[in-house]
């Protein structure tokens, strides 16, 4: 399975900036090496470059990997909990102003 490394920035509409989501995925077995610093951001580049399903911006994904990994290493963060669930989302077609999510199989 794959695990997403993601940063979401939510901005209110009145603020004048759009919300954004930056992310890339890694195979499950590479998550621990990534958080331990054994899989470098350049290693992430190699993984994503060889992933036929990756459709994002490679340079942006590597920059995100470097920032996330730098934060983890700099603050000496360690994984404490992993959650897995099935999410079902409901929203009006073409309009994401209201969205309801239902998480099951927690």
C-alpha atoms as a PDB file:
ATOM      1  CA  UNK A   1       0.000   0.000   0.000  1.00  0.00           C
ATOM      2  CA  UNK A   2       1.012   3.631  -0.267  1.00  0.00           C
ATOM      3  CA  UNK A   3       1.312   6.287   2.407  1.00  0.00           C
ATOM      4  CA  UNK A   4       0.846   9.978   1.638  1.00  0.00           C
ATOM      5  CA  UNK A   5       3.188  12.635   2.974  1.00  0.00           C
ATOM      6  CA  UNK A   6       1.026  15.723   2.865  1.00  0.00           C
ATOM      7  CA  UNK A   7       0.875  19.375   3.871  1.00  0.00           C
ATOM      8  CA  UNK A   8      -2.447  21.181   3.759  1.00  0.00           C
ATOM      9  CA  UNK A   9      -2.710  24.931   4.130  1.00  0.00           C
ATOM     10  CA  UNK A  10      -6.231  26.204   4.631  1.00  0.00           C
ATOM     11  CA  UNK A  11      -6.923  29.878   3.996  1.00  0.00           C
ATOM     12  CA  UNK A  12     -10.245  31.602   4.485  1.00  0.00           C
ATOM     13  CA  UNK A  13     -11.732  32.985   1.271  1.00  0.00           C
ATOM     14  CA  UNK A  14     -11.837  36.524   2.678  1.00  0.00           C
ATOM     15  CA  UNK A  15      -8.060  36.339   3.211  1.00  0.00           C
ATOM     16  CA  UNK A  16      -7.513  36.420  -0.527  1.00  0.00           C
ATOM     17  CA  UNK A  17      -5.451  33.241  -0.856  1.00  0.00           C
ATOM     18  CA  UNK A  18      -6.638  29.814  -1.909  1.00  0.00           C
ATOM     19  CA  UNK A  19      -6.158  26.744   0.250  1.00  0.00           C
ATOM     20  CA  UNK A  20      -3.628  24.282  -1.075  1.00  0.00           C
ATOM     21  CA  UNK A  21      -2.551  20.686  -0.615  1.00  0.00           C
ATOM     22  CA  UNK A  22       0.964  19.485  -1.359  1.00  0.00           C
ATOM     23  CA  UNK A  23       1.671  15.767  -1.237  1.00  0.00           C
ATOM     24  CA  UNK A  24       3.496  12.755  -2.543  1.00  0.00           C
ATOM     25  CA  UNK A  25       3.178   9.077  -1.730  1.00  0.00           C
ATOM     26  CA  UNK A  26       5.680   6.450  -0.719  1.00  0.00           C
ATOM     27  CA  UNK A  27       5.348   2.695  -0.631  1.00  0.00           C
ATOM     28  CA  UNK A  28       4.533   1.533   2.890  1.00  0.00           C
ATOM     29  CA  UNK A  29       7.943  -0.099   3.371  1.00  0.00           C
ATOM     30  CA  UNK A  30       9.784   3.192   2.663  1.00  0.00           C
ATOM     31  CA  UNK A  31       7.986   5.326   5.261  1.00  0.00           C
ATOM     32  CA  UNK A  32      10.153   4.261   8.203  1.00  0.00           C
ATOM     33  CA  UNK A  33      13.428   4.794   6.280  1.00  0.00           C
ATOM     34  CA  UNK A  34      12.129   8.242   5.245  1.00  0.00           C
ATOM     35  CA  UNK A  35      11.296   9.372   8.787  1.00  0.00           C
ATOM     36  CA  UNK A  36      14.634   7.990  10.032  1.00  0.00           C
ATOM     37  CA  UNK A  37      16.545   9.932   7.355  1.00  0.00           C
ATOM     38  CA  UNK A  38      17.828   6.794   5.621  1.00  0.00           C
ATOM     39  CA  UNK A  39      15.733   7.566   2.532  1.00  0.00           C
ATOM     40  CA  UNK A  40      16.860  11.057   1.528  1.00  0.00           C
ATOM     41  CA  UNK A  41      14.842  13.561  -0.484  1.00  0.00           C
ATOM     42  CA  UNK A  42      16.969  12.607  -3.498  1.00  0.00           C
ATOM     43  CA  UNK A  43      16.023   8.994  -2.815  1.00  0.00           C
ATOM     44  CA  UNK A  44      12.390  10.119  -2.816  1.00  0.00           C
ATOM     45  CA  UNK A  45      13.074  11.690  -6.237  1.00  0.00           C
ATOM     46  CA  UNK A  46      14.281   8.318  -7.527  1.00  0.00           C
ATOM     47  CA  UNK A  47      11.243   6.512  -6.099  1.00  0.00           C
ATOM     48  CA  UNK A  48       8.789   9.010  -7.613  1.00  0.00           C
ATOM     49  CA  UNK A  49      10.601   9.173 -10.967  1.00  0.00           C
ATOM     50  CA  UNK A  50      10.171   5.411 -11.276  1.00  0.00           C
ATOM     51  CA  UNK A  51       6.522   5.459 -10.183  1.00  0.00           C
ATOM     52  CA  UNK A  52       4.345   5.359 -13.302  1.00  0.00           C
ATOM     53  CA  UNK A  53       1.371   6.593 -11.235  1.00  0.00           C
ATOM     54  CA  UNK A  54       3.113   9.775 -10.031  1.00  0.00           C
ATOM     55  CA  UNK A  55       1.668  12.717 -11.939  1.00  0.00           C
ATOM     56  CA  UNK A  56       2.848  15.646  -9.809  1.00  0.00           C
ATOM     57  CA  UNK A  57       5.732  18.082 -10.001  1.00  0.00           C
ATOM     58  CA  UNK A  58       8.874  16.116  -9.137  1.00  0.00           C
ATOM     59  CA  UNK A  59      10.872  19.144  -7.945  1.00  0.00           C
ATOM     60  CA  UNK A  60       7.999  20.304  -5.713  1.00  0.00           C
ATOM     61  CA  UNK A  61       7.635  16.819  -4.217  1.00  0.00           C
ATOM     62  CA  UNK A  62      11.372  16.615  -3.481  1.00  0.00           C
ATOM     63  CA  UNK A  63      11.296  20.079  -1.888  1.00  0.00           C
ATOM     64  CA  UNK A  64       8.362  18.982   0.294  1.00  0.00           C
ATOM     65  CA  UNK A  65      10.221  15.782   1.219  1.00  0.00           C
ATOM     66  CA  UNK A  66      13.270  17.846   2.250  1.00  0.00           C
ATOM     67  CA  UNK A  67      11.161  20.226   4.328  1.00  0.00           C
ATOM     68  CA  UNK A  68       9.170  17.481   6.059  1.00  0.00           C
ATOM     69  CA  UNK A  69      12.233  15.343   6.717  1.00  0.00           C
ATOM     70  CA  UNK A  70      14.196  18.367   7.955  1.00  0.00           C
ATOM     71  CA  UNK A  71      11.398  19.147  10.393  1.00  0.00           C
ATOM     72  CA  UNK A  72      11.276  15.531  11.614  1.00  0.00           C
ATOM     73  CA  UNK A  73      15.046  15.285  12.031  1.00  0.00           C
ATOM     74  CA  UNK A  74      15.525  18.789  13.429  1.00  0.00           C
ATOM     75  CA  UNK A  75      12.941  18.304  16.164  1.00  0.00           C
ATOM     76  CA  UNK A  76      13.894  14.637  16.694  1.00  0.00           C
ATOM     77  CA  UNK A  77      10.299  13.539  16.111  1.00  0.00           C
ATOM     78  CA  UNK A  78       9.423   9.853  16.358  1.00  0.00           C
ATOM     79  CA  UNK A  79       6.301   8.062  15.103  1.00  0.00           C
ATOM     80  CA  UNK A  80       3.914   7.344  17.975  1.00  0.00           C
ATOM     81  CA  UNK A  81       0.710   6.298  16.249  1.00  0.00           C
ATOM     82  CA  UNK A  82      -0.472   5.280  12.821  1.00  0.00           C
ATOM     83  CA  UNK A  83      -4.101   5.491  11.831  1.00  0.00           C
ATOM     84  CA  UNK A  84      -5.770   3.784   8.932  1.00  0.00           C
ATOM     85  CA  UNK A  85      -9.346   4.281   7.847  1.00  0.00           C
ATOM     86  CA  UNK A  86     -11.791   4.325   4.974  1.00  0.00           C
ATOM     87  CA  UNK A  87     -13.058   7.814   4.085  1.00  0.00           C
ATOM     88  CA  UNK A  88     -16.264   8.517   2.191  1.00  0.00           C
ATOM     89  CA  UNK A  89     -16.803  12.155   1.220  1.00  0.00           C
ATOM     90  CA  UNK A  90     -19.999  13.831   0.093  1.00  0.00           C
ATOM     91  CA  UNK A  91     -20.231  17.141  -1.723  1.00  0.00           C
ATOM     92  CA  UNK A  92     -22.221  18.822  -4.438  1.00  0.00           C
ATOM     93  CA  UNK A  93     -20.788  18.100  -7.873  1.00  0.00           C
ATOM     94  CA  UNK A  94     -18.454  20.921  -8.917  1.00  0.00           C
ATOM     95  CA  UNK A  95     -18.853  22.793  -5.622  1.00  0.00           C
ATOM     96  CA  UNK A  96     -16.564  22.072  -2.677  1.00  0.00           C
ATOM     97  CA  UNK A  97     -17.879  24.834  -0.406  1.00  0.00           C
ATOM     98  CA  UNK A  98     -19.576  22.224   1.784  1.00  0.00           C
ATOM     99  CA  UNK A  99     -18.121  18.766   2.199  1.00  0.00           C
ATOM    100  CA  UNK A 100     -19.027  16.025   4.650  1.00  0.00           C
ATOM    101  CA  UNK A 101     -16.593  13.181   5.330  1.00  0.00           C
ATOM    102  CA  UNK A 102     -17.414   9.875   6.977  1.00  0.00           C
ATOM    103  CA  UNK A 103     -14.470   7.863   8.317  1.00  0.00           C
ATOM    104  CA  UNK A 104     -15.023   4.164   9.001  1.00  0.00           C
ATOM    105  CA  UNK A 105     -12.891   1.104   9.712  1.00  0.00           C
ATOM    106  CA  UNK A 106     -10.761   3.091  12.159  1.00  0.00           C
END
